[in-house]
């Protein structure tokens, strides 16, 4: 069975505080650009957290093999 992490309520409260701060700033003409950007970041993070597969794709490691180099004495030129 997979283990479920405990929900940290402090993170949710901090996100809500930021939303309130940005929305209050929009009312007085500040933070108009930041509210949509913040929401996009929150949505992106939620999508990544909710995905079952790993969000980061890893490439397979290649063997480190040394090339065959000429020793000049065996060259036939």
C-alpha atoms as a PDB file:
ATOM      1  CA  UNK A   1       0.000   0.000   0.000  1.00  0.00           C
ATOM      2  CA  UNK A   2       1.175   3.510  -0.676  1.00  0.00           C
ATOM      3  CA  UNK A   3       1.647   5.881   2.188  1.00  0.00           C
ATOM      4  CA  UNK A   4      -0.297   9.157   2.254  1.00  0.00           C
ATOM      5  CA  UNK A   5       1.426  12.248   3.592  1.00  0.00           C
ATOM      6  CA  UNK A   6      -0.305  14.270   6.247  1.00  0.00           C
ATOM      7  CA  UNK A   7      -1.953  17.452   5.027  1.00  0.00           C
ATOM      8  CA  UNK A   8      -0.157  20.564   6.237  1.00  0.00           C
ATOM      9  CA  UNK A   9      -2.880  23.133   6.960  1.00  0.00           C
ATOM     10  CA  UNK A  10      -0.304  25.922   7.411  1.00  0.00           C
ATOM     11  CA  UNK A  11       0.567  25.780   3.703  1.00  0.00           C
ATOM     12  CA  UNK A  12      -3.083  26.126   2.731  1.00  0.00           C
ATOM     13  CA  UNK A  13      -3.525  29.059   5.096  1.00  0.00           C
ATOM     14  CA  UNK A  14      -0.439  30.789   3.682  1.00  0.00           C
ATOM     15  CA  UNK A  15      -1.736  30.378   0.135  1.00  0.00           C
ATOM     16  CA  UNK A  16      -5.072  31.876   1.165  1.00  0.00           C
ATOM     17  CA  UNK A  17      -3.294  34.797   2.885  1.00  0.00           C
ATOM     18  CA  UNK A  18      -1.386  35.483  -0.328  1.00  0.00           C
ATOM     19  CA  UNK A  19      -4.633  35.352  -2.325  1.00  0.00           C
ATOM     20  CA  UNK A  20      -6.246  37.867   0.047  1.00  0.00           C
ATOM     21  CA  UNK A  21      -3.182  40.138  -0.122  1.00  0.00           C
ATOM     22  CA  UNK A  22      -3.173  40.072  -3.923  1.00  0.00           C
ATOM     23  CA  UNK A  23      -6.934  40.601  -4.241  1.00  0.00           C
ATOM     24  CA  UNK A  24      -6.831  43.569  -1.833  1.00  0.00           C
ATOM     25  CA  UNK A  25      -3.984  45.015  -3.859  1.00  0.00           C
ATOM     26  CA  UNK A  26      -6.022  44.636  -7.062  1.00  0.00           C
ATOM     27  CA  UNK A  27      -8.805  46.739  -5.520  1.00  0.00           C
ATOM     28  CA  UNK A  28      -6.452  49.707  -5.119  1.00  0.00           C
ATOM     29  CA  UNK A  29      -4.700  49.214  -8.447  1.00  0.00           C
ATOM     30  CA  UNK A  30      -1.707  47.173  -7.290  1.00  0.00           C
ATOM     31  CA  UNK A  31      -0.712  43.561  -7.942  1.00  0.00           C
ATOM     32  CA  UNK A  32      -2.892  43.224 -11.067  1.00  0.00           C
ATOM     33  CA  UNK A  33      -0.236  41.153 -12.822  1.00  0.00           C
ATOM     34  CA  UNK A  34       0.658  38.986  -9.857  1.00  0.00           C
ATOM     35  CA  UNK A  35      -2.718  37.473  -9.016  1.00  0.00           C
ATOM     36  CA  UNK A  36      -3.113  35.518 -12.301  1.00  0.00           C
ATOM     37  CA  UNK A  37       0.532  34.452 -12.189  1.00  0.00           C
ATOM     38  CA  UNK A  38       0.147  33.220  -8.620  1.00  0.00           C
ATOM     39  CA  UNK A  39      -2.963  31.235  -9.568  1.00  0.00           C
ATOM     40  CA  UNK A  40      -1.122  29.640 -12.507  1.00  0.00           C
ATOM     41  CA  UNK A  41       1.729  28.597 -10.206  1.00  0.00           C
ATOM     42  CA  UNK A  42      -0.691  27.139  -7.660  1.00  0.00           C
ATOM     43  CA  UNK A  43      -2.507  25.207 -10.407  1.00  0.00           C
ATOM     44  CA  UNK A  44       0.758  23.910 -11.844  1.00  0.00           C
ATOM     45  CA  UNK A  45       1.889  22.719  -8.408  1.00  0.00           C
ATOM     46  CA  UNK A  46      -1.457  21.027  -7.783  1.00  0.00           C
ATOM     47  CA  UNK A  47      -1.255  19.241 -11.130  1.00  0.00           C
ATOM     48  CA  UNK A  48       2.244  17.981 -10.370  1.00  0.00           C
ATOM     49  CA  UNK A  49       1.311  16.835  -6.877  1.00  0.00           C
ATOM     50  CA  UNK A  50      -1.762  15.002  -8.141  1.00  0.00           C
ATOM     51  CA  UNK A  51      -0.014  13.126 -10.944  1.00  0.00           C
ATOM     52  CA  UNK A  52       0.585   9.485 -10.210  1.00  0.00           C
ATOM     53  CA  UNK A  53       3.595   9.168 -12.471  1.00  0.00           C
ATOM     54  CA  UNK A  54       6.809  11.010 -11.887  1.00  0.00           C
ATOM     55  CA  UNK A  55       6.754  14.542 -13.347  1.00  0.00           C
ATOM     56  CA  UNK A  56      10.471  14.424 -14.101  1.00  0.00           C
ATOM     57  CA  UNK A  57      11.583  12.149 -16.894  1.00  0.00           C
ATOM     58  CA  UNK A  58      15.007  10.684 -16.452  1.00  0.00           C
ATOM     59  CA  UNK A  59      17.236   9.487 -19.217  1.00  0.00           C
ATOM     60  CA  UNK A  60      18.942   6.118 -18.873  1.00  0.00           C
ATOM     61  CA  UNK A  61      22.563   6.271 -17.878  1.00  0.00           C
ATOM     62  CA  UNK A  62      25.052   5.296 -20.533  1.00  0.00           C
ATOM     63  CA  UNK A  63      28.147   3.232 -19.876  1.00  0.00           C
ATOM     64  CA  UNK A  64      31.306   5.267 -19.849  1.00  0.00           C
ATOM     65  CA  UNK A  65      33.509   3.360 -22.270  1.00  0.00           C
ATOM     66  CA  UNK A  66      36.891   4.590 -23.389  1.00  0.00           C
ATOM     67  CA  UNK A  67      37.392   4.787 -27.141  1.00  0.00           C
ATOM     68  CA  UNK A  68      40.037   2.668 -28.836  1.00  0.00           C
ATOM     69  CA  UNK A  69      42.888   5.062 -29.478  1.00  0.00           C
ATOM     70  CA  UNK A  70      45.796   4.484 -31.791  1.00  0.00           C
ATOM     71  CA  UNK A  71      49.256   4.148 -30.245  1.00  0.00           C
ATOM     72  CA  UNK A  72      50.942   5.474 -33.441  1.00  0.00           C
ATOM     73  CA  UNK A  73      53.358   2.546 -33.548  1.00  0.00           C
ATOM     74  CA  UNK A  74      50.749   0.289 -35.057  1.00  0.00           C
ATOM     75  CA  UNK A  75      49.677   2.810 -37.716  1.00  0.00           C
ATOM     76  CA  UNK A  76      50.525   1.671 -41.228  1.00  0.00           C
ATOM     77  CA  UNK A  77      50.876   5.051 -42.957  1.00  0.00           C
END
